[in-house]
């Protein structure tokens, strides 16, 4: 069986965002939804439902983003800066 990066799509309260995609990307999303449907045994999700978990997965596995985010959070905390001596 194919090991996909996504699993079943969680039903979560959405925030509406309008995005324009190239037709080829939309076709790929439709194909991905079909493969995901066969892999999970669920009905194929609408292609637009795939975008949030794909973006979430992308950001979760981007090491440079994770490091930059940690650094940003550390700098924002009071008393987390370097101590002068």
PDB file of N, CA and C in Angstrom:
ATOM      1  N   UNK A   1       0.843  -1.175   0.000  1.00  0.00           N
ATOM      2  CA  UNK A   1       0.000   0.000   0.000  1.00  0.00           C
ATOM      3  C   UNK A   1       0.892   1.243   0.000  1.00  0.00           C
ATOM      4  N   UNK A   2       0.422   2.295  -0.624  1.00  0.00           N
ATOM      5  CA  UNK A   2       1.146   3.559  -0.716  1.00  0.00           C
ATOM      6  C   UNK A   2       1.149   4.256   0.635  1.00  0.00           C
ATOM      7  N   UNK A   3       2.303   4.766   1.048  1.00  0.00           N
ATOM      8  CA  UNK A   3       2.426   5.524   2.298  1.00  0.00           C
ATOM      9  C   UNK A   3       2.273   6.996   1.969  1.00  0.00           C
ATOM     10  N   UNK A   4       1.094   7.540   2.253  1.00  0.00           N
ATOM     11  CA  UNK A   4       0.814   8.947   1.988  1.00  0.00           C
ATOM     12  C   UNK A   4       1.249   9.799   3.165  1.00  0.00           C
ATOM     13  N   UNK A   5       1.515  11.060   2.918  1.00  0.00           N
ATOM     14  CA  UNK A   5       1.889  11.995   3.978  1.00  0.00           C
ATOM     15  C   UNK A   5       0.675  12.406   4.801  1.00  0.00           C
ATOM     16  N   UNK A   6      -0.535  12.259   4.240  1.00  0.00           N
ATOM     17  CA  UNK A   6      -1.761  12.629   4.950  1.00  0.00           C
ATOM     18  C   UNK A   6      -2.521  11.391   5.363  1.00  0.00           C
ATOM     19  N   UNK A   7      -3.238  11.523   6.460  1.00  0.00           N
ATOM     20  CA  UNK A   7      -4.148  10.482   6.903  1.00  0.00           C
ATOM     21  C   UNK A   7      -5.564  11.003   6.752  1.00  0.00           C
ATOM     22  N   UNK A   8      -6.511  10.426   7.487  1.00  0.00           N
ATOM     23  CA  UNK A   8      -7.889  10.917   7.410  1.00  0.00           C
ATOM     24  C   UNK A   8      -7.953  12.412   7.732  1.00  0.00           C
ATOM     25  N   UNK A   9      -8.833  13.120   7.053  1.00  0.00           N
ATOM     26  CA  UNK A   9      -8.976  14.565   7.221  1.00  0.00           C
ATOM     27  C   UNK A   9      -9.892  14.844   8.413  1.00  0.00           C
ATOM     28  N   UNK A  10      -9.382  15.582   9.401  1.00  0.00           N
ATOM     29  CA  UNK A  10     -10.167  15.926  10.585  1.00  0.00           C
ATOM     30  C   UNK A  10     -11.221  16.965  10.221  1.00  0.00           C
ATOM     31  N   UNK A  11     -12.369  16.849  10.847  1.00  0.00           N
ATOM     32  CA  UNK A  11     -13.424  17.829  10.647  1.00  0.00           C
ATOM     33  C   UNK A  11     -13.239  18.904  11.702  1.00  0.00           C
ATOM     34  N   UNK A  12     -12.696  20.052  11.297  1.00  0.00           N
ATOM     35  CA  UNK A  12     -12.360  21.133  12.211  1.00  0.00           C
ATOM     36  C   UNK A  12     -13.057  22.403  11.752  1.00  0.00           C
ATOM     37  N   UNK A  13     -13.305  23.330  12.691  1.00  0.00           N
ATOM     38  CA  UNK A  13     -13.946  24.588  12.312  1.00  0.00           C
ATOM     39  C   UNK A  13     -13.001  25.391  11.420  1.00  0.00           C
ATOM     40  N   UNK A  14     -13.400  25.659  10.197  1.00  0.00           N
ATOM     41  CA  UNK A  14     -12.501  26.324   9.253  1.00  0.00           C
ATOM     42  C   UNK A  14     -12.503  27.847   9.367  1.00  0.00           C
ATOM     43  N   UNK A  15     -11.455  28.428   8.849  1.00  0.00           N
ATOM     44  CA  UNK A  15     -11.360  29.860   8.623  1.00  0.00           C
ATOM     45  C   UNK A  15     -11.317  30.007   7.106  1.00  0.00           C
ATOM     46  N   UNK A  16     -12.195  30.800   6.548  1.00  0.00           N
ATOM     47  CA  UNK A  16     -12.298  30.897   5.100  1.00  0.00           C
ATOM     48  C   UNK A  16     -11.142  31.703   4.508  1.00  0.00           C
ATOM     49  N   UNK A  17     -10.514  31.100   3.505  1.00  0.00           N
ATOM     50  CA  UNK A  17      -9.433  31.734   2.760  1.00  0.00           C
ATOM     51  C   UNK A  17      -9.685  31.438   1.292  1.00  0.00           C
ATOM     52  N   UNK A  18      -9.537  32.436   0.460  1.00  0.00           N
ATOM     53  CA  UNK A  18      -9.726  32.247  -0.972  1.00  0.00           C
ATOM     54  C   UNK A  18      -8.359  32.124  -1.635  1.00  0.00           C
ATOM     55  N   UNK A  19      -8.168  31.044  -2.404  1.00  0.00           N
ATOM     56  CA  UNK A  19      -6.889  30.777  -3.047  1.00  0.00           C
ATOM     57  C   UNK A  19      -7.137  30.392  -4.498  1.00  0.00           C
ATOM     58  N   UNK A  20      -6.339  30.940  -5.392  1.00  0.00           N
ATOM     59  CA  UNK A  20      -6.391  30.528  -6.789  1.00  0.00           C
ATOM     60  C   UNK A  20      -5.269  29.543  -7.037  1.00  0.00           C
ATOM     61  N   UNK A  21      -5.604  28.415  -7.656  1.00  0.00           N
ATOM     62  CA  UNK A  21      -4.621  27.385  -7.950  1.00  0.00           C
ATOM     63  C   UNK A  21      -4.526  27.165  -9.448  1.00  0.00           C
ATOM     64  N   UNK A  22      -3.362  26.819  -9.931  1.00  0.00           N
ATOM     65  CA  UNK A  22      -3.276  26.409 -11.325  1.00  0.00           C
ATOM     66  C   UNK A  22      -4.113  25.151 -11.539  1.00  0.00           C
ATOM     67  N   UNK A  23      -4.648  25.002 -12.738  1.00  0.00           N
ATOM     68  CA  UNK A  23      -5.498  23.841 -13.037  1.00  0.00           C
ATOM     69  C   UNK A  23      -4.754  22.534 -12.790  1.00  0.00           C
ATOM     70  N   UNK A  24      -3.473  22.494 -13.101  1.00  0.00           N
ATOM     71  CA  UNK A  24      -2.698  21.267 -12.898  1.00  0.00           C
ATOM     72  C   UNK A  24      -2.628  20.891 -11.414  1.00  0.00           C
ATOM     73  N   UNK A  25      -2.505  21.883 -10.541  1.00  0.00           N
ATOM     74  CA  UNK A  25      -2.474  21.612  -9.099  1.00  0.00           C
ATOM     75  C   UNK A  25      -3.829  21.080  -8.655  1.00  0.00           C
ATOM     76  N   UNK A  26      -4.911  21.656  -9.176  1.00  0.00           N
ATOM     77  CA  UNK A  26      -6.242  21.173  -8.822  1.00  0.00           C
ATOM     78  C   UNK A  26      -6.432  19.727  -9.280  1.00  0.00           C
ATOM     79  N   UNK A  27      -5.969  19.410 -10.480  1.00  0.00           N
ATOM     80  CA  UNK A  27      -6.067  18.025 -10.961  1.00  0.00           C
ATOM     81  C   UNK A  27      -5.274  17.086 -10.053  1.00  0.00           C
ATOM     82  N   UNK A  28      -4.097  17.525  -9.633  1.00  0.00           N
ATOM     83  CA  UNK A  28      -3.304  16.705  -8.723  1.00  0.00           C
ATOM     84  C   UNK A  28      -3.999  16.530  -7.377  1.00  0.00           C
ATOM     85  N   UNK A  29      -4.653  17.570  -6.885  1.00  0.00           N
ATOM     86  CA  UNK A  29      -5.408  17.455  -5.635  1.00  0.00           C
ATOM     87  C   UNK A  29      -6.550  16.449  -5.784  1.00  0.00           C
ATOM     88  N   UNK A  30      -7.232  16.474  -6.927  1.00  0.00           N
ATOM     89  CA  UNK A  30      -8.316  15.513  -7.158  1.00  0.00           C
ATOM     90  C   UNK A  30      -7.760  14.086  -7.187  1.00  0.00           C
ATOM     91  N   UNK A  31      -6.628  13.895  -7.846  1.00  0.00           N
ATOM     92  CA  UNK A  31      -6.012  12.572  -7.893  1.00  0.00           C
ATOM     93  C   UNK A  31      -5.570  12.138  -6.493  1.00  0.00           C
ATOM     94  N   UNK A  32      -4.998  13.070  -5.731  1.00  0.00           N
ATOM     95  CA  UNK A  32      -4.563  12.761  -4.366  1.00  0.00           C
ATOM     96  C   UNK A  32      -5.763  12.351  -3.515  1.00  0.00           C
ATOM     97  N   UNK A  33      -6.866  13.070  -3.656  1.00  0.00           N
ATOM     98  CA  UNK A  33      -8.075  12.747  -2.894  1.00  0.00           C
ATOM     99  C   UNK A  33      -8.546  11.328  -3.210  1.00  0.00           C
ATOM    100  N   UNK A  34      -8.462  10.934  -4.459  1.00  0.00           N
ATOM    101  CA  UNK A  34      -8.881   9.590  -4.848  1.00  0.00           C
ATOM    102  C   UNK A  34      -7.962   8.531  -4.240  1.00  0.00           C
ATOM    103  N   UNK A  35      -6.657   8.766  -4.308  1.00  0.00           N
ATOM    104  CA  UNK A  35      -5.699   7.825  -3.717  1.00  0.00           C
ATOM    105  C   UNK A  35      -5.888   7.758  -2.204  1.00  0.00           C
ATOM    106  N   UNK A  36      -6.084   8.906  -1.576  1.00  0.00           N
ATOM    107  CA  UNK A  36      -6.319   8.961  -0.127  1.00  0.00           C
ATOM    108  C   UNK A  36      -7.583   8.187   0.231  1.00  0.00           C
ATOM    109  N   UNK A  37      -8.613   8.312  -0.585  1.00  0.00           N
ATOM    110  CA  UNK A  37      -9.868   7.595  -0.364  1.00  0.00           C
ATOM    111  C   UNK A  37      -9.626   6.087  -0.351  1.00  0.00           C
ATOM    112  N   UNK A  38      -8.876   5.614  -1.326  1.00  0.00           N
ATOM    113  CA  UNK A  38      -8.589   4.169  -1.379  1.00  0.00           C
ATOM    114  C   UNK A  38      -7.720   3.735  -0.201  1.00  0.00           C
ATOM    115  N   UNK A  39      -6.775   4.564   0.199  1.00  0.00           N
ATOM    116  CA  UNK A  39      -5.859   4.205   1.286  1.00  0.00           C
ATOM    117  C   UNK A  39      -6.536   4.198   2.648  1.00  0.00           C
ATOM    118  N   UNK A  40      -7.516   5.099   2.858  1.00  0.00           N
ATOM    119  CA  UNK A  40      -8.153   5.208   4.171  1.00  0.00           C
ATOM    120  C   UNK A  40      -9.501   4.501   4.249  1.00  0.00           C
ATOM    121  N   UNK A  41     -10.060   4.128   3.088  1.00  0.00           N
ATOM    122  CA  UNK A  41     -11.380   3.493   3.080  1.00  0.00           C
ATOM    123  C   UNK A  41     -12.515   4.472   3.291  1.00  0.00           C
ATOM    124  N   UNK A  42     -12.221   5.762   3.220  1.00  0.00           N
ATOM    125  CA  UNK A  42     -13.248   6.794   3.364  1.00  0.00           C
ATOM    126  C   UNK A  42     -13.612   7.311   1.979  1.00  0.00           C
ATOM    127  N   UNK A  43     -14.696   8.080   1.918  1.00  0.00           N
ATOM    128  CA  UNK A  43     -15.037   8.700   0.647  1.00  0.00           C
ATOM    129  C   UNK A  43     -14.003   9.778   0.341  1.00  0.00           C
ATOM    130  N   UNK A  44     -13.802  10.039  -0.915  1.00  0.00           N
ATOM    131  CA  UNK A  44     -12.803  11.028  -1.325  1.00  0.00           C
ATOM    132  C   UNK A  44     -13.213  12.412  -0.837  1.00  0.00           C
ATOM    133  N   UNK A  45     -12.303  13.116  -0.147  1.00  0.00           N
ATOM    134  CA  UNK A  45     -12.626  14.470   0.290  1.00  0.00           C
ATOM    135  C   UNK A  45     -12.603  15.437  -0.893  1.00  0.00           C
ATOM    136  N   UNK A  46     -13.268  16.551  -0.729  1.00  0.00           N
ATOM    137  CA  UNK A  46     -13.179  17.610  -1.731  1.00  0.00           C
ATOM    138  C   UNK A  46     -11.717  18.051  -1.802  1.00  0.00           C
ATOM    139  N   UNK A  47     -11.215  18.340  -2.984  1.00  0.00           N
ATOM    140  CA  UNK A  47      -9.806  18.750  -3.104  1.00  0.00           C
ATOM    141  C   UNK A  47      -9.435  19.912  -2.179  1.00  0.00           C
ATOM    142  N   UNK A  48     -10.331  20.867  -1.991  1.00  0.00           N
ATOM    143  CA  UNK A  48     -10.039  22.010  -1.126  1.00  0.00           C
ATOM    144  C   UNK A  48      -9.800  21.581   0.321  1.00  0.00           C
ATOM    145  N   UNK A  49     -10.385  20.464   0.739  1.00  0.00           N
ATOM    146  CA  UNK A  49     -10.199  19.972   2.113  1.00  0.00           C
ATOM    147  C   UNK A  49      -8.796  19.416   2.330  1.00  0.00           C
ATOM    148  N   UNK A  50      -8.085  19.125   1.252  1.00  0.00           N
ATOM    149  CA  UNK A  50      -6.724  18.601   1.372  1.00  0.00           C
ATOM    150  C   UNK A  50      -5.703  19.700   1.647  1.00  0.00           C
ATOM    151  N   UNK A  51      -6.001  20.912   1.231  1.00  0.00           N
ATOM    152  CA  UNK A  51      -5.012  21.989   1.300  1.00  0.00           C
ATOM    153  C   UNK A  51      -4.584  22.299   2.736  1.00  0.00           C
ATOM    154  N   UNK A  52      -5.500  22.492   3.691  1.00  0.00           N
ATOM    155  CA  UNK A  52      -5.046  22.806   5.054  1.00  0.00           C
ATOM    156  C   UNK A  52      -4.139  21.743   5.667  1.00  0.00           C
ATOM    157  N   UNK A  53      -4.496  20.439   5.616  1.00  0.00           N
ATOM    158  CA  UNK A  53      -3.573  19.477   6.220  1.00  0.00           C
ATOM    159  C   UNK A  53      -2.251  19.364   5.467  1.00  0.00           C
ATOM    160  N   UNK A  54      -2.269  19.629   4.154  1.00  0.00           N
ATOM    161  CA  UNK A  54      -1.017  19.600   3.400  1.00  0.00           C
ATOM    162  C   UNK A  54      -0.109  20.754   3.826  1.00  0.00           C
ATOM    163  N   UNK A  55      -0.674  21.932   3.983  1.00  0.00           N
ATOM    164  CA  UNK A  55       0.114  23.087   4.425  1.00  0.00           C
ATOM    165  C   UNK A  55       0.599  22.852   5.854  1.00  0.00           C
ATOM    166  N   UNK A  56      -0.283  22.324   6.707  1.00  0.00           N
ATOM    167  CA  UNK A  56       0.094  22.032   8.090  1.00  0.00           C
ATOM    168  C   UNK A  56       1.249  21.032   8.134  1.00  0.00           C
ATOM    169  N   UNK A  57       1.147  19.984   7.344  1.00  0.00           N
ATOM    170  CA  UNK A  57       2.202  18.963   7.291  1.00  0.00           C
ATOM    171  C   UNK A  57       3.515  19.564   6.772  1.00  0.00           C
ATOM    172  N   UNK A  58       3.400  20.382   5.741  1.00  0.00           N
ATOM    173  CA  UNK A  58       4.587  21.038   5.182  1.00  0.00           C
ATOM    174  C   UNK A  58       5.289  21.862   6.252  1.00  0.00           C
ATOM    175  N   UNK A  59       4.531  22.677   6.983  1.00  0.00           N
ATOM    176  CA  UNK A  59       5.145  23.528   8.003  1.00  0.00           C
ATOM    177  C   UNK A  59       5.695  22.705   9.157  1.00  0.00           C
ATOM    178  N   UNK A  60       5.013  21.618   9.516  1.00  0.00           N
ATOM    179  CA  UNK A  60       5.468  20.781  10.627  1.00  0.00           C
ATOM    180  C   UNK A  60       6.771  20.068  10.311  1.00  0.00           C
ATOM    181  N   UNK A  61       7.047  19.822   9.046  1.00  0.00           N
ATOM    182  CA  UNK A  61       8.258  19.089   8.677  1.00  0.00           C
ATOM    183  C   UNK A  61       9.360  19.988   8.126  1.00  0.00           C
ATOM    184  N   UNK A  62       9.135  21.291   8.119  1.00  0.00           N
ATOM    185  CA  UNK A  62      10.131  22.236   7.628  1.00  0.00           C
ATOM    186  C   UNK A  62      11.031  22.632   8.800  1.00  0.00           C
ATOM    187  N   UNK A  63      12.226  22.060   8.856  1.00  0.00           N
ATOM    188  CA  UNK A  63      13.128  22.287   9.990  1.00  0.00           C
ATOM    189  C   UNK A  63      13.554  23.740  10.124  1.00  0.00           C
ATOM    190  N   UNK A  64      13.791  24.392   8.998  1.00  0.00           N
ATOM    191  CA  UNK A  64      14.205  25.795   9.049  1.00  0.00           C
ATOM    192  C   UNK A  64      13.088  26.664   9.639  1.00  0.00           C
ATOM    193  N   UNK A  65      11.841  26.373   9.265  1.00  0.00           N
ATOM    194  CA  UNK A  65      10.707  27.112   9.823  1.00  0.00           C
ATOM    195  C   UNK A  65      10.592  26.855  11.326  1.00  0.00           C
ATOM    196  N   UNK A  66      10.726  25.594  11.729  1.00  0.00           N
ATOM    197  CA  UNK A  66      10.607  25.257  13.155  1.00  0.00           C
ATOM    198  C   UNK A  66      11.673  25.991  13.971  1.00  0.00           C
ATOM    199  N   UNK A  67      12.901  26.021  13.464  1.00  0.00           N
ATOM    200  CA  UNK A  67      13.981  26.715  14.173  1.00  0.00           C
ATOM    201  C   UNK A  67      13.708  28.213  14.248  1.00  0.00           C
ATOM    202  N   UNK A  68      13.295  28.810  13.128  1.00  0.00           N
ATOM    203  CA  UNK A  68      12.999  30.242  13.118  1.00  0.00           C
ATOM    204  C   UNK A  68      11.851  30.560  14.072  1.00  0.00           C
ATOM    205  N   UNK A  69      10.865  29.688  14.112  1.00  0.00           N
ATOM    206  CA  UNK A  69       9.724  29.915  15.018  1.00  0.00           C
ATOM    207  C   UNK A  69      10.159  29.813  16.474  1.00  0.00           C
ATOM    208  N   UNK A  70      10.971  28.804  16.792  1.00  0.00           N
ATOM    209  CA  UNK A  70      11.490  28.677  18.170  1.00  0.00           C
ATOM    210  C   UNK A  70      12.291  29.908  18.558  1.00  0.00           C
ATOM    211  N   UNK A  71      13.157  30.367  17.644  1.00  0.00           N
ATOM    212  CA  UNK A  71      13.974  31.553  17.918  1.00  0.00           C
ATOM    213  C   UNK A  71      13.089  32.777  18.137  1.00  0.00           C
ATOM    214  N   UNK A  72      12.054  32.914  17.325  1.00  0.00           N
ATOM    215  CA  UNK A  72      11.147  34.056  17.437  1.00  0.00           C
ATOM    216  C   UNK A  72      10.404  34.019  18.770  1.00  0.00           C
ATOM    217  N   UNK A  73       9.950  32.841  19.178  1.00  0.00           N
ATOM    218  CA  UNK A  73       9.232  32.697  20.447  1.00  0.00           C
ATOM    219  C   UNK A  73      10.178  32.997  21.614  1.00  0.00           C
ATOM    220  N   UNK A  74      11.405  32.494  21.524  1.00  0.00           N
ATOM    221  CA  UNK A  74      12.375  32.729  22.587  1.00  0.00           C
ATOM    222  C   UNK A  74      12.688  34.216  22.734  1.00  0.00           C
ATOM    223  N   UNK A  75      12.791  34.925  21.630  1.00  0.00           N
ATOM    224  CA  UNK A  75      13.077  36.356  21.681  1.00  0.00           C
ATOM    225  C   UNK A  75      11.899  37.149  22.220  1.00  0.00           C
ATOM    226  N   UNK A  76      10.699  36.640  22.029  1.00  0.00           N
ATOM    227  CA  UNK A  76       9.511  37.366  22.465  1.00  0.00           C
ATOM    228  C   UNK A  76       9.252  37.210  23.964  1.00  0.00           C
ATOM    229  N   UNK A  77       9.805  36.187  24.581  1.00  0.00           N
ATOM    230  CA  UNK A  77       9.580  35.962  26.014  1.00  0.00           C
ATOM    231  C   UNK A  77      10.408  36.939  26.844  1.00  0.00           C
ATOM    232  N   UNK A  78       9.780  37.545  27.838  1.00  0.00           N
ATOM    233  CA  UNK A  78      10.536  38.434  28.733  1.00  0.00           C
ATOM    234  C   UNK A  78      11.600  37.640  29.485  1.00  0.00           C
ATOM    235  N   UNK A  79      12.788  38.191  29.571  1.00  0.00           N
ATOM    236  CA  UNK A  79      13.867  37.538  30.301  1.00  0.00           C
ATOM    237  C   UNK A  79      14.521  36.410  29.568  1.00  0.00           C
ATOM    238  N   UNK A  80      14.175  36.217  28.301  1.00  0.00           N
ATOM    239  CA  UNK A  80      14.770  35.100  27.579  1.00  0.00           C
ATOM    240  C   UNK A  80      15.989  35.517  26.783  1.00  0.00           C
ATOM    241  N   UNK A  81      16.283  36.797  26.762  1.00  0.00           N
ATOM    242  CA  UNK A  81      17.449  37.273  26.017  1.00  0.00           C
ATOM    243  C   UNK A  81      18.737  36.925  26.733  1.00  0.00           C
ATOM    244  N   UNK A  82      19.828  37.165  26.075  1.00  0.00           N
ATOM    245  CA  UNK A  82      21.125  36.892  26.681  1.00  0.00           C
ATOM    246  C   UNK A  82      21.343  37.834  27.852  1.00  0.00           C
ATOM    247  N   UNK A  83      21.951  37.318  28.875  1.00  0.00           N
ATOM    248  CA  UNK A  83      22.245  38.149  30.044  1.00  0.00           C
ATOM    249  C   UNK A  83      23.592  38.812  29.866  1.00  0.00           C
ATOM    250  N   UNK A  84      23.610  40.079  30.176  1.00  0.00           N
ATOM    251  CA  UNK A  84      24.904  40.777  30.094  1.00  0.00           C
ATOM    252  C   UNK A  84      25.530  40.778  31.477  1.00  0.00           C
ATOM    253  N   UNK A  85      26.816  40.733  31.466  1.00  0.00           N
ATOM    254  CA  UNK A  85      27.416  40.523  32.646  1.00  0.00           C
ATOM    255  C   UNK A  85      28.190  41.100  33.559  1.00  0.00           C
TER     256      UNK A  85
END
